[in-house]
Every structure is written in C-alpha cells, then in structure tokens.
Amino acid sequence: MSYKKAANILPADLLEKVQKYVDGECIYIPRISENKKAWGAMTSTRKDLKIRDRQIYKDYLSGKSLNDLSEIYFLSTKSIQRIIGQQKKCKIE
C-alpha cells in the first residue's frame, strides 16, 4: 500500500476537519465494501495453498502419518488434521 499526501487529494476544508481528529499521524481509510477484493486475489497464495493442501491429502492417503506430514510441510498436526478434513469434505461433495 502506498501513501498519498492528504493535501494533494483532499479539499482544504476537509483536510482541516480531519486534522482536528488526527494531526500529523497516519490513518487507514477502508475501502468501500463493493470495492473490496477477496483474500489472496492479488497474489497466487490462494492457488498455492490449494495445491499444497491437495498434496498433503494425497500424501496422507498414500500412508504418511500426521507427524510425518507435520514435519514435511512445517505445520502443526492440528493444521494437518484440519486440511485433511477439508479435503475429505471436498471429495465427498
């Protein structure tokens, strides 16, 4: 996220009003809800995690233990269990 100078984009009277509440500090102005993007929409992270989760499930089905998967993928056994459960649910639906 890049910063923009408020003095360059806000009308002077609005800037003065904002300065009454926040003087010289950085603030975050949230997006309008219609303009929000889903998590991972701007990167390949969501796709990468889907691929990883499918591979974890394949490895599980091939006989690898939860502890082995935990060490291979650097995740807790609880996370491995959650991923396996989600993958099983996807296969059933």
C-alpha atoms as a PDB file:
ATOM      1  CA  MET A   1       0.000   0.000   0.000  1.00  0.00           C
ATOM      2  CA  SER A   2       1.374   3.381  -0.911  1.00  0.00           C
ATOM      3  CA  TYR A   3       0.789   6.589   0.973  1.00  0.00           C
ATOM      4  CA  LYS A   4      -0.791   9.637  -0.590  1.00  0.00           C
ATOM      5  CA  LYS A   5      -0.406  13.200   0.665  1.00  0.00           C
ATOM      6  CA  ALA A   6      -3.776  14.276   2.018  1.00  0.00           C
ATOM      7  CA  ALA A   7      -3.034  17.882   0.989  1.00  0.00           C
ATOM      8  CA  ASN A   8      -2.794  16.702  -2.639  1.00  0.00           C
ATOM      9  CA  ILE A   9      -6.097  14.820  -2.727  1.00  0.00           C
ATOM     10  CA  LEU A  10      -8.464  16.290  -0.122  1.00  0.00           C
ATOM     11  CA  PRO A  11     -10.174  19.660  -0.295  1.00  0.00           C
ATOM     12  CA  ALA A  12      -8.616  22.128   2.178  1.00  0.00           C
ATOM     13  CA  ASP A  13     -11.744  22.377   4.351  1.00  0.00           C
ATOM     14  CA  LEU A  14     -11.985  18.591   4.671  1.00  0.00           C
ATOM     15  CA  LEU A  15      -8.284  18.328   5.472  1.00  0.00           C
ATOM     16  CA  GLU A  16      -8.720  20.868   8.281  1.00  0.00           C
ATOM     17  CA  LYS A  17     -11.603  18.830   9.712  1.00  0.00           C
ATOM     18  CA  VAL A  18      -9.548  15.620   9.621  1.00  0.00           C
ATOM     19  CA  GLN A  19      -6.629  17.411  11.303  1.00  0.00           C
ATOM     20  CA  LYS A  20      -8.879  18.163  14.296  1.00  0.00           C
ATOM     21  CA  TYR A  21      -9.031  14.396  14.928  1.00  0.00           C
ATOM     22  CA  VAL A  22      -5.687  13.189  13.581  1.00  0.00           C
ATOM     23  CA  ASP A  23      -2.893  15.732  13.369  1.00  0.00           C
ATOM     24  CA  GLY A  24       0.277  14.557  11.658  1.00  0.00           C
ATOM     25  CA  GLU A  25      -0.454  10.825  12.068  1.00  0.00           C
ATOM     26  CA  CYS A  26      -1.069   8.077   9.552  1.00  0.00           C
ATOM     27  CA  ILE A  27      -4.579   6.689   9.271  1.00  0.00           C
ATOM     28  CA  TYR A  28      -6.082   3.880   7.239  1.00  0.00           C
ATOM     29  CA  ILE A  29      -9.216   4.604   5.255  1.00  0.00           C
ATOM     30  CA  PRO A  30     -11.004   1.341   4.456  1.00  0.00           C
ATOM     31  CA  ARG A  31     -12.284   0.517   1.016  1.00  0.00           C
ATOM     32  CA  ILE A  32     -15.940   0.798   0.133  1.00  0.00           C
ATOM     33  CA  SER A  33     -17.362  -2.691   0.645  1.00  0.00           C
ATOM     34  CA  GLU A  34     -18.210  -3.118  -3.064  1.00  0.00           C
ATOM     35  CA  ASN A  35     -14.549  -2.453  -3.945  1.00  0.00           C
ATOM     36  CA  LYS A  36     -13.051  -4.992  -1.531  1.00  0.00           C
ATOM     37  CA  LYS A  37     -11.123  -7.865  -3.013  1.00  0.00           C
ATOM     38  CA  ALA A  38     -11.106 -11.376  -1.591  1.00  0.00           C
ATOM     39  CA  TRP A  39      -8.068 -12.503   0.384  1.00  0.00           C
ATOM     40  CA  GLY A  40      -5.364 -13.728  -1.982  1.00  0.00           C
ATOM     41  CA  ALA A  41      -6.990 -12.181  -5.043  1.00  0.00           C
ATOM     42  CA  MET A  42      -3.907 -10.108  -5.868  1.00  0.00           C
ATOM     43  CA  THR A  43      -1.349 -12.907  -5.420  1.00  0.00           C
ATOM     44  CA  SER A  44      -1.006 -16.606  -6.161  1.00  0.00           C
ATOM     45  CA  THR A  45      -1.107 -17.510  -2.451  1.00  0.00           C
ATOM     46  CA  ARG A  46      -4.643 -18.892  -2.504  1.00  0.00           C
ATOM     47  CA  LYS A  47      -3.828 -21.117  -5.503  1.00  0.00           C
ATOM     48  CA  ASP A  48      -0.527 -22.235  -3.953  1.00  0.00           C
ATOM     49  CA  LEU A  49      -2.268 -23.245  -0.718  1.00  0.00           C
ATOM     50  CA  LYS A  50      -4.885 -25.254  -2.641  1.00  0.00           C
ATOM     51  CA  ILE A  51      -2.115 -27.143  -4.421  1.00  0.00           C
ATOM     52  CA  ARG A  52      -0.280 -27.707  -1.118  1.00  0.00           C
ATOM     53  CA  ASP A  53      -3.432 -28.942   0.623  1.00  0.00           C
ATOM     54  CA  ARG A  54      -4.211 -31.398  -2.190  1.00  0.00           C
ATOM     55  CA  GLN A  55      -0.669 -32.737  -1.970  1.00  0.00           C
ATOM     56  CA  ILE A  56      -0.955 -33.128   1.808  1.00  0.00           C
ATOM     57  CA  TYR A  57      -4.154 -35.145   1.286  1.00  0.00           C
ATOM     58  CA  LYS A  58      -2.507 -37.312  -1.400  1.00  0.00           C
ATOM     59  CA  ASP A  59       0.447 -37.949   0.915  1.00  0.00           C
ATOM     60  CA  TYR A  60      -1.960 -38.841   3.727  1.00  0.00           C
ATOM     61  CA  LEU A  61      -3.840 -41.277   1.502  1.00  0.00           C
ATOM     62  CA  SER A  62      -0.548 -42.876   0.455  1.00  0.00           C
ATOM     63  CA  GLY A  63       0.149 -43.735   4.096  1.00  0.00           C
ATOM     64  CA  LYS A  64       2.196 -40.892   5.555  1.00  0.00           C
ATOM     65  CA  SER A  65       1.457 -40.248   9.226  1.00  0.00           C
ATOM     66  CA  LEU A  66       0.217 -36.951  10.635  1.00  0.00           C
ATOM     67  CA  ASN A  67       3.585 -36.449  12.349  1.00  0.00           C
ATOM     68  CA  ASP A  68       5.462 -37.068   9.093  1.00  0.00           C
ATOM     69  CA  LEU A  69       3.226 -34.612   7.229  1.00  0.00           C
ATOM     70  CA  SER A  70       3.659 -32.085  10.001  1.00  0.00           C
ATOM     71  CA  GLU A  71       7.442 -32.238   9.630  1.00  0.00           C
ATOM     72  CA  ILE A  72       7.404 -32.246   5.810  1.00  0.00           C
ATOM     73  CA  TYR A  73       5.105 -29.222   5.487  1.00  0.00           C
ATOM     74  CA  PHE A  74       6.219 -27.356   8.630  1.00  0.00           C
ATOM     75  CA  LEU A  75       2.678 -27.300  10.028  1.00  0.00           C
ATOM     76  CA  SER A  76       1.206 -28.415  13.332  1.00  0.00           C
ATOM     77  CA  THR A  77      -0.515 -31.789  13.416  1.00  0.00           C
ATOM     78  CA  LYS A  78      -3.745 -29.920  14.216  1.00  0.00           C
ATOM     79  CA  SER A  79      -3.367 -27.940  10.952  1.00  0.00           C
ATOM     80  CA  ILE A  80      -2.683 -31.158   9.039  1.00  0.00           C
ATOM     81  CA  GLN A  81      -5.825 -32.714  10.554  1.00  0.00           C
ATOM     82  CA  ARG A  82      -7.872 -29.646   9.567  1.00  0.00           C
ATOM     83  CA  ILE A  83      -6.550 -29.750   5.986  1.00  0.00           C
ATOM     84  CA  ILE A  84      -7.246 -33.483   5.669  1.00  0.00           C
ATOM     85  CA  GLY A  85     -10.770 -32.953   6.988  1.00  0.00           C
ATOM     86  CA  GLN A  86     -11.405 -30.157   4.486  1.00  0.00           C
ATOM     87  CA  GLN A  87     -10.046 -32.237   1.614  1.00  0.00           C
ATOM     88  CA  LYS A  88     -12.199 -35.231   2.600  1.00  0.00           C
ATOM     89  CA  LYS A  89     -15.242 -32.950   2.692  1.00  0.00           C
ATOM     90  CA  CYS A  90     -14.401 -31.596  -0.785  1.00  0.00           C
ATOM     91  CA  LYS A  91     -14.091 -35.099  -2.201  1.00  0.00           C
ATOM     92  CA  ILE A  92     -17.490 -36.121  -0.767  1.00  0.00           C
ATOM     93  CA  GLU A  93     -19.351 -33.067  -2.140  1.00  0.00           C
END
